[in-house]
N, C-alpha and C. Protein backbone atom coordinates (compact mmCIF):
# COMPACT_ATOMS: atom_id res chain seq x y z
N MET A 1 0.84 -1.16 0.00
CA MET A 1 0.00 0.00 0.00
C MET A 1 0.90 1.24 0.00
N ILE A 2 0.60 2.19 -0.89
CA ILE A 2 1.35 3.44 -0.93
C ILE A 2 0.51 4.54 -0.31
N ARG A 3 1.12 5.30 0.61
CA ARG A 3 0.44 6.41 1.29
C ARG A 3 1.14 7.71 0.94
N HIS A 4 0.33 8.78 0.79
CA HIS A 4 0.87 10.13 0.56
C HIS A 4 1.35 10.61 1.92
N ALA A 5 2.64 10.43 2.19
CA ALA A 5 3.19 10.70 3.51
C ALA A 5 4.71 10.76 3.43
N GLY A 6 5.30 11.16 4.52
CA GLY A 6 6.74 11.06 4.71
C GLY A 6 6.99 10.05 5.82
N LEU A 7 8.21 9.58 5.92
CA LEU A 7 8.57 8.63 6.97
C LEU A 7 9.94 9.03 7.50
N LEU A 8 9.99 9.39 8.79
CA LEU A 8 11.22 9.76 9.47
C LEU A 8 11.50 8.75 10.56
N ALA A 9 12.78 8.50 10.84
CA ALA A 9 13.14 7.47 11.81
C ALA A 9 14.24 7.94 12.76
N LEU A 10 14.23 7.32 13.92
CA LEU A 10 15.30 7.45 14.92
C LEU A 10 15.74 6.05 15.32
N ARG A 11 17.00 5.91 15.65
CA ARG A 11 17.49 4.63 16.17
C ARG A 11 17.30 4.66 17.68
N LEU A 12 16.39 3.80 18.15
CA LEU A 12 16.05 3.73 19.56
C LEU A 12 16.11 2.28 20.02
N ASP A 13 16.79 2.04 21.11
CA ASP A 13 16.94 0.68 21.65
C ASP A 13 17.44 -0.29 20.59
N GLY A 14 18.38 0.18 19.76
CA GLY A 14 19.03 -0.68 18.77
C GLY A 14 18.25 -0.94 17.50
N ARG A 15 17.07 -0.30 17.34
CA ARG A 15 16.27 -0.50 16.12
C ARG A 15 15.80 0.84 15.59
N TRP A 16 15.60 0.89 14.28
CA TRP A 16 15.07 2.10 13.65
C TRP A 16 13.56 2.12 13.82
N ARG A 17 13.04 3.18 14.45
CA ARG A 17 11.61 3.35 14.68
C ARG A 17 11.15 4.58 13.92
N GLY A 18 10.02 4.48 13.25
CA GLY A 18 9.59 5.57 12.39
C GLY A 18 8.22 6.11 12.66
N ALA A 19 8.06 7.37 12.29
CA ALA A 19 6.76 8.04 12.34
C ALA A 19 6.32 8.32 10.91
N LEU A 20 5.16 7.83 10.55
CA LEU A 20 4.54 8.10 9.27
C LEU A 20 3.88 9.47 9.39
N ILE A 21 4.28 10.42 8.56
CA ILE A 21 3.80 11.80 8.67
C ILE A 21 2.89 12.10 7.49
N GLU A 22 1.60 12.33 7.79
CA GLU A 22 0.60 12.54 6.74
C GLU A 22 -0.02 13.93 6.81
N GLY A 23 -0.51 14.37 5.68
CA GLY A 23 -1.20 15.65 5.58
C GLY A 23 -1.28 16.06 4.12
N PRO A 24 -2.12 17.04 3.81
CA PRO A 24 -2.27 17.47 2.42
C PRO A 24 -1.01 18.14 1.89
N SER A 25 -0.88 18.19 0.56
CA SER A 25 0.26 18.85 -0.07
C SER A 25 0.36 20.29 0.40
N GLY A 26 1.58 20.72 0.69
CA GLY A 26 1.83 22.10 1.08
C GLY A 26 1.64 22.41 2.55
N ILE A 27 1.29 21.43 3.36
CA ILE A 27 1.02 21.71 4.78
C ILE A 27 2.31 21.83 5.60
N GLY A 28 3.42 21.25 5.12
CA GLY A 28 4.68 21.37 5.84
C GLY A 28 5.34 20.06 6.22
N LYS A 29 4.94 18.95 5.60
CA LYS A 29 5.54 17.66 5.91
C LYS A 29 7.04 17.66 5.62
N SER A 30 7.42 18.12 4.45
CA SER A 30 8.84 18.13 4.08
C SER A 30 9.61 19.17 4.88
N ASP A 31 8.96 20.29 5.21
CA ASP A 31 9.60 21.30 6.06
C ASP A 31 9.93 20.69 7.42
N LEU A 32 8.97 19.98 8.00
CA LEU A 32 9.20 19.29 9.27
C LEU A 32 10.34 18.28 9.11
N ALA A 33 10.33 17.54 8.01
CA ALA A 33 11.38 16.54 7.78
C ALA A 33 12.76 17.20 7.72
N LEU A 34 12.89 18.31 7.01
CA LEU A 34 14.18 18.99 6.90
C LEU A 34 14.68 19.44 8.28
N ARG A 35 13.79 19.99 9.10
CA ARG A 35 14.19 20.42 10.45
C ARG A 35 14.53 19.22 11.33
N ALA A 36 13.77 18.13 11.20
CA ALA A 36 14.04 16.93 11.98
C ALA A 36 15.39 16.31 11.58
N LEU A 37 15.71 16.34 10.29
CA LEU A 37 17.00 15.82 9.84
C LEU A 37 18.14 16.58 10.50
N ASP A 38 17.97 17.88 10.67
CA ASP A 38 18.99 18.70 11.33
C ASP A 38 19.11 18.37 12.81
N GLN A 39 18.14 17.66 13.36
CA GLN A 39 18.16 17.28 14.78
C GLN A 39 18.42 15.79 14.99
N GLY A 40 18.98 15.13 13.99
CA GLY A 40 19.42 13.76 14.16
C GLY A 40 18.51 12.66 13.65
N PHE A 41 17.37 13.02 13.08
CA PHE A 41 16.49 12.01 12.48
C PHE A 41 17.10 11.54 11.17
N SER A 42 16.61 10.41 10.68
CA SER A 42 17.00 9.91 9.36
C SER A 42 15.77 9.85 8.47
N LEU A 43 15.97 10.22 7.22
CA LEU A 43 14.91 10.12 6.23
C LEU A 43 14.76 8.67 5.79
N VAL A 44 13.53 8.24 5.66
CA VAL A 44 13.23 6.96 5.03
C VAL A 44 12.53 7.26 3.70
N ALA A 45 11.53 8.15 3.74
CA ALA A 45 10.79 8.47 2.52
C ALA A 45 10.18 9.87 2.64
N ASP A 46 10.08 10.55 1.50
CA ASP A 46 9.42 11.84 1.43
C ASP A 46 8.36 11.78 0.34
N ASP A 47 7.18 12.25 0.64
CA ASP A 47 6.07 12.38 -0.30
C ASP A 47 5.25 11.11 -0.49
N ARG A 48 5.87 9.98 -0.65
CA ARG A 48 5.16 8.71 -0.80
C ARG A 48 5.88 7.64 0.02
N VAL A 49 5.09 6.80 0.69
CA VAL A 49 5.66 5.72 1.50
C VAL A 49 4.97 4.41 1.12
N LEU A 50 5.77 3.43 0.81
CA LEU A 50 5.27 2.08 0.56
C LEU A 50 5.23 1.38 1.92
N VAL A 51 4.02 1.09 2.40
CA VAL A 51 3.82 0.48 3.71
C VAL A 51 3.58 -1.01 3.52
N PHE A 52 4.24 -1.82 4.36
CA PHE A 52 4.09 -3.27 4.25
C PHE A 52 4.22 -3.91 5.63
N GLU A 53 3.72 -5.15 5.72
CA GLU A 53 3.78 -5.91 6.95
C GLU A 53 4.77 -7.04 6.77
N SER A 54 5.57 -7.29 7.82
CA SER A 54 6.51 -8.40 7.78
C SER A 54 6.78 -8.86 9.22
N GLY A 55 6.72 -10.15 9.44
CA GLY A 55 7.02 -10.69 10.75
C GLY A 55 6.14 -10.14 11.86
N GLY A 56 4.90 -9.80 11.54
CA GLY A 56 3.99 -9.28 12.55
C GLY A 56 4.20 -7.82 12.89
N ARG A 57 5.01 -7.11 12.11
CA ARG A 57 5.26 -5.68 12.37
C ARG A 57 5.01 -4.89 11.10
N LEU A 58 4.81 -3.59 11.28
CA LEU A 58 4.50 -2.67 10.19
C LEU A 58 5.77 -1.92 9.79
N PHE A 59 6.05 -1.85 8.50
CA PHE A 59 7.25 -1.19 7.99
C PHE A 59 6.90 -0.23 6.85
N GLY A 60 7.85 0.64 6.55
CA GLY A 60 7.68 1.54 5.41
C GLY A 60 9.02 1.80 4.73
N ARG A 61 8.92 2.12 3.44
CA ARG A 61 10.11 2.48 2.66
C ARG A 61 9.68 3.41 1.54
N ALA A 62 10.64 4.05 0.91
CA ALA A 62 10.35 4.91 -0.24
C ALA A 62 10.14 4.05 -1.48
N PRO A 63 9.21 4.42 -2.35
CA PRO A 63 9.16 3.76 -3.67
C PRO A 63 10.49 4.01 -4.38
N ASP A 64 10.95 3.04 -5.15
CA ASP A 64 12.28 3.13 -5.77
C ASP A 64 12.58 4.46 -6.45
N PRO A 65 11.68 5.04 -7.26
CA PRO A 65 12.03 6.30 -7.95
C PRO A 65 12.24 7.49 -7.00
N LEU A 66 11.74 7.40 -5.77
CA LEU A 66 11.84 8.52 -4.82
C LEU A 66 12.87 8.28 -3.73
N ALA A 67 13.51 7.12 -3.71
CA ALA A 67 14.47 6.79 -2.66
C ALA A 67 15.63 7.79 -2.66
N GLY A 68 15.96 8.28 -1.47
CA GLY A 68 17.10 9.18 -1.33
C GLY A 68 16.85 10.59 -1.82
N LEU A 69 15.56 10.99 -1.91
CA LEU A 69 15.22 12.34 -2.37
C LEU A 69 14.27 13.00 -1.38
N ILE A 70 14.38 14.34 -1.28
CA ILE A 70 13.46 15.11 -0.45
C ILE A 70 13.19 16.43 -1.16
N GLU A 71 11.95 16.90 -1.05
CA GLU A 71 11.58 18.18 -1.65
C GLU A 71 11.77 19.30 -0.65
N ALA A 72 12.46 20.34 -1.07
CA ALA A 72 12.57 21.57 -0.28
C ALA A 72 11.85 22.64 -1.09
N ARG A 73 10.63 22.97 -0.67
CA ARG A 73 9.81 23.93 -1.41
C ARG A 73 10.59 25.21 -1.64
N GLY A 74 10.59 25.68 -2.89
CA GLY A 74 11.32 26.88 -3.25
C GLY A 74 12.76 26.61 -3.62
N VAL A 75 13.25 25.41 -3.34
CA VAL A 75 14.63 25.04 -3.69
C VAL A 75 14.63 23.96 -4.75
N GLY A 76 13.81 22.92 -4.54
CA GLY A 76 13.72 21.84 -5.52
C GLY A 76 13.82 20.47 -4.86
N ILE A 77 14.01 19.46 -5.68
CA ILE A 77 14.18 18.08 -5.22
C ILE A 77 15.67 17.89 -4.96
N LEU A 78 16.00 17.47 -3.74
CA LEU A 78 17.39 17.37 -3.32
C LEU A 78 17.74 15.94 -2.94
N PRO A 79 18.98 15.52 -3.20
CA PRO A 79 19.41 14.21 -2.70
C PRO A 79 19.56 14.26 -1.19
N GLN A 80 19.19 13.18 -0.52
CA GLN A 80 19.32 13.10 0.94
C GLN A 80 19.60 11.65 1.31
N PRO A 81 20.69 11.39 2.01
CA PRO A 81 20.91 10.01 2.46
C PRO A 81 19.68 9.50 3.21
N ALA A 82 19.31 8.27 2.93
CA ALA A 82 18.08 7.73 3.51
C ALA A 82 18.27 6.27 3.90
N LEU A 83 17.50 5.85 4.90
CA LEU A 83 17.44 4.44 5.28
C LEU A 83 16.62 3.68 4.24
N GLY A 84 16.91 2.42 4.07
CA GLY A 84 16.16 1.61 3.14
C GLY A 84 14.72 1.34 3.59
N PHE A 85 14.52 1.22 4.90
CA PHE A 85 13.19 0.98 5.47
C PHE A 85 13.29 1.15 6.98
N CYS A 86 12.14 1.19 7.65
CA CYS A 86 12.10 1.17 9.11
C CYS A 86 10.73 0.71 9.56
N GLU A 87 10.65 0.33 10.83
CA GLU A 87 9.38 -0.03 11.44
C GLU A 87 8.58 1.24 11.69
N ILE A 88 7.28 1.19 11.45
CA ILE A 88 6.38 2.32 11.72
C ILE A 88 5.74 2.09 13.08
N VAL A 89 5.94 3.04 14.02
CA VAL A 89 5.38 2.89 15.36
C VAL A 89 4.38 4.00 15.70
N ALA A 90 4.26 5.01 14.83
CA ALA A 90 3.31 6.10 15.10
C ALA A 90 2.86 6.72 13.79
N LEU A 91 1.65 7.26 13.80
CA LEU A 91 1.11 8.03 12.68
C LEU A 91 0.94 9.47 13.16
N VAL A 92 1.57 10.40 12.46
CA VAL A 92 1.51 11.82 12.81
C VAL A 92 0.72 12.53 11.72
N CYS A 93 -0.38 13.17 12.11
CA CYS A 93 -1.24 13.87 11.16
C CYS A 93 -0.98 15.37 11.27
N CYS A 94 -0.55 15.97 10.18
CA CYS A 94 -0.22 17.40 10.16
C CYS A 94 -1.50 18.23 10.09
N GLN A 95 -1.57 19.24 10.96
CA GLN A 95 -2.73 20.13 11.04
C GLN A 95 -2.36 21.52 10.53
N THR A 96 -3.37 22.31 10.19
CA THR A 96 -3.16 23.62 9.56
C THR A 96 -2.69 24.71 10.51
N GLY A 97 -2.80 24.50 11.80
CA GLY A 97 -2.36 25.50 12.76
C GLY A 97 -2.42 24.97 14.17
N PRO A 98 -1.89 25.73 15.12
CA PRO A 98 -1.86 25.24 16.51
C PRO A 98 -3.25 25.04 17.11
N ASP A 99 -4.23 25.79 16.68
CA ASP A 99 -5.58 25.64 17.23
C ASP A 99 -6.24 24.34 16.81
N ALA A 100 -5.73 23.70 15.77
CA ALA A 100 -6.30 22.44 15.28
C ALA A 100 -5.73 21.23 16.02
N VAL A 101 -4.77 21.46 16.91
CA VAL A 101 -4.14 20.36 17.65
C VAL A 101 -4.72 20.31 19.05
N GLU A 102 -5.28 19.17 19.40
CA GLU A 102 -5.86 18.99 20.73
C GLU A 102 -4.75 19.07 21.78
N ARG A 103 -5.00 19.83 22.82
CA ARG A 103 -3.97 20.07 23.84
C ARG A 103 -3.59 18.78 24.57
N LEU A 104 -4.57 18.00 24.99
CA LEU A 104 -4.33 16.75 25.70
C LEU A 104 -5.11 15.65 25.00
N PRO A 105 -4.51 15.03 23.98
CA PRO A 105 -5.25 14.02 23.20
C PRO A 105 -5.60 12.80 24.03
N SER A 106 -6.64 12.12 23.59
CA SER A 106 -7.15 10.96 24.33
C SER A 106 -6.57 9.64 23.84
N GLY A 107 -5.53 9.68 23.03
CA GLY A 107 -4.90 8.44 22.59
C GLY A 107 -5.57 7.77 21.42
N PRO A 108 -5.96 8.53 20.38
CA PRO A 108 -6.59 7.88 19.22
C PRO A 108 -5.64 6.91 18.54
N ARG A 109 -6.22 5.97 17.82
CA ARG A 109 -5.44 4.96 17.10
C ARG A 109 -5.99 4.82 15.69
N ALA A 110 -5.15 4.34 14.81
CA ALA A 110 -5.56 4.03 13.44
C ALA A 110 -5.12 2.60 13.15
N THR A 111 -5.79 1.97 12.20
CA THR A 111 -5.39 0.64 11.78
C THR A 111 -4.81 0.74 10.38
N ILE A 112 -3.58 0.28 10.25
CA ILE A 112 -2.89 0.26 8.95
C ILE A 112 -2.47 -1.18 8.69
N LEU A 113 -3.00 -1.76 7.63
CA LEU A 113 -2.72 -3.16 7.28
C LEU A 113 -2.90 -4.10 8.48
N GLY A 114 -3.95 -3.85 9.27
CA GLY A 114 -4.25 -4.70 10.40
C GLY A 114 -3.47 -4.39 11.67
N HIS A 115 -2.63 -3.37 11.65
CA HIS A 115 -1.84 -2.99 12.82
C HIS A 115 -2.41 -1.73 13.45
N SER A 116 -2.64 -1.77 14.75
CA SER A 116 -3.11 -0.61 15.48
C SER A 116 -1.92 0.28 15.80
N VAL A 117 -2.03 1.56 15.39
CA VAL A 117 -0.92 2.51 15.54
C VAL A 117 -1.44 3.76 16.26
N ALA A 118 -0.65 4.26 17.20
CA ALA A 118 -1.00 5.49 17.91
C ALA A 118 -0.98 6.67 16.92
N VAL A 119 -1.97 7.56 17.06
CA VAL A 119 -2.10 8.71 16.16
C VAL A 119 -1.89 9.99 16.95
N PHE A 120 -1.13 10.90 16.38
CA PHE A 120 -0.88 12.20 16.99
C PHE A 120 -1.10 13.29 15.96
N ASP A 121 -1.74 14.37 16.38
CA ASP A 121 -1.86 15.56 15.54
C ASP A 121 -0.71 16.49 15.90
N ILE A 122 -0.18 17.16 14.90
CA ILE A 122 0.93 18.08 15.11
C ILE A 122 0.80 19.23 14.12
N TRP A 123 1.22 20.40 14.50
CA TRP A 123 1.33 21.51 13.58
C TRP A 123 2.77 21.48 13.09
N PRO A 124 3.02 21.08 11.84
CA PRO A 124 4.39 20.83 11.39
C PRO A 124 5.29 22.05 11.36
N LEU A 125 4.72 23.27 11.31
CA LEU A 125 5.54 24.47 11.23
C LEU A 125 5.92 25.02 12.60
N GLU A 126 5.43 24.41 13.66
CA GLU A 126 5.79 24.82 15.02
C GLU A 126 7.27 24.55 15.27
N VAL A 127 7.93 25.47 15.93
CA VAL A 127 9.36 25.31 16.23
C VAL A 127 9.62 24.01 16.99
N ALA A 128 8.74 23.64 17.89
CA ALA A 128 8.94 22.45 18.72
C ALA A 128 8.55 21.15 18.03
N ALA A 129 8.05 21.19 16.81
CA ALA A 129 7.56 19.97 16.15
C ALA A 129 8.59 18.84 16.08
N PRO A 130 9.86 19.10 15.69
CA PRO A 130 10.82 17.98 15.69
C PRO A 130 11.04 17.39 17.08
N GLY A 131 11.04 18.23 18.12
CA GLY A 131 11.19 17.73 19.49
C GLY A 131 10.00 16.89 19.91
N LYS A 132 8.81 17.30 19.51
CA LYS A 132 7.61 16.51 19.80
C LYS A 132 7.67 15.17 19.08
N LEU A 133 8.13 15.20 17.84
CA LEU A 133 8.26 13.96 17.07
C LEU A 133 9.24 13.00 17.76
N ARG A 134 10.35 13.51 18.26
CA ARG A 134 11.32 12.68 18.98
C ARG A 134 10.66 12.04 20.21
N ARG A 135 9.88 12.80 20.94
CA ARG A 135 9.23 12.28 22.14
C ARG A 135 8.14 11.27 21.81
N ILE A 136 7.44 11.47 20.71
CA ILE A 136 6.44 10.51 20.26
C ILE A 136 7.11 9.17 19.97
N LEU A 137 8.21 9.18 19.23
CA LEU A 137 8.90 7.93 18.89
C LEU A 137 9.50 7.28 20.13
N ASP A 138 10.06 8.07 21.02
CA ASP A 138 10.63 7.52 22.25
C ASP A 138 9.54 6.86 23.10
N ALA A 139 8.40 7.52 23.23
CA ALA A 139 7.30 6.96 24.03
C ALA A 139 6.77 5.68 23.40
N ALA A 140 6.63 5.65 22.08
CA ALA A 140 6.14 4.45 21.40
C ALA A 140 7.13 3.30 21.56
N THR A 141 8.42 3.60 21.52
CA THR A 141 9.45 2.57 21.64
C THR A 141 9.55 2.03 23.06
N ASN A 142 9.37 2.88 24.04
CA ASN A 142 9.57 2.48 25.43
C ASN A 142 8.28 2.08 26.14
N GLY A 143 7.23 1.81 25.37
CA GLY A 143 6.01 1.23 25.92
C GLY A 143 5.06 2.19 26.59
N ARG A 144 5.36 3.47 26.55
CA ARG A 144 4.41 4.41 27.15
C ARG A 144 3.24 4.66 26.20
N ILE A 145 3.41 4.27 24.95
CA ILE A 145 2.33 4.27 23.97
C ILE A 145 2.28 2.86 23.42
N LYS A 146 1.17 2.18 23.57
CA LYS A 146 1.08 0.80 23.12
C LYS A 146 0.94 0.74 21.60
N VAL A 147 1.81 -0.03 20.97
CA VAL A 147 1.76 -0.27 19.53
C VAL A 147 1.58 -1.77 19.36
N ASP A 148 0.40 -2.18 18.87
CA ASP A 148 0.13 -3.61 18.79
C ASP A 148 -0.68 -3.94 17.55
N ARG A 149 -0.81 -5.22 17.32
CA ARG A 149 -1.64 -5.70 16.22
C ARG A 149 -3.03 -5.91 16.80
N ALA A 150 -4.01 -5.21 16.23
CA ALA A 150 -5.38 -5.31 16.75
C ALA A 150 -6.37 -5.01 15.65
N ALA A 151 -7.60 -5.33 15.92
CA ALA A 151 -8.66 -5.08 14.94
C ALA A 151 -9.46 -3.84 15.33
N SER A 152 -8.77 -2.78 15.74
CA SER A 152 -9.48 -1.55 16.09
C SER A 152 -9.96 -0.85 14.82
N PRO A 153 -11.05 -0.08 14.89
CA PRO A 153 -11.54 0.58 13.70
C PRO A 153 -10.60 1.67 13.25
N PRO A 154 -10.52 1.95 11.93
CA PRO A 154 -9.66 3.03 11.46
C PRO A 154 -10.15 4.37 11.98
N ARG A 155 -9.19 5.29 12.11
CA ARG A 155 -9.52 6.64 12.56
C ARG A 155 -10.24 7.37 11.44
N GLY A 156 -11.34 8.03 11.78
CA GLY A 156 -12.23 8.77 10.92
C GLY A 156 -11.69 9.37 9.75
């Protein structure tokens, strides 16, 4: 399954853990990715992510024609070292502004290929967005956010 999204990863507890970042074109997904890369994240995919299941876990990678590329609006398509794939442990939905982000979310989940994944809303242009992304991945990796295989209904 291909999703209109980006995929950023951090190496946590010896494994690459990733956040699938979704939102409409022009909302700031690639801008967030560029800032996150400057803070130690690794790119897996920009703009499109091929999502697949293997060994009971959810993974993502860039489609071959887009591997190792990232768009910098106003600059162009740029080469960027990228991981071949990583496990997806969170879904981050980009919102149009800070008022669209719930202050204290209730822990919504989405189902992707039969895997229940924690969902977070974020305003991608916020200065703190890469730091929030780091904390989301850390929490998902260290069990403070449950990531499991379940038959929960997809998020609206």
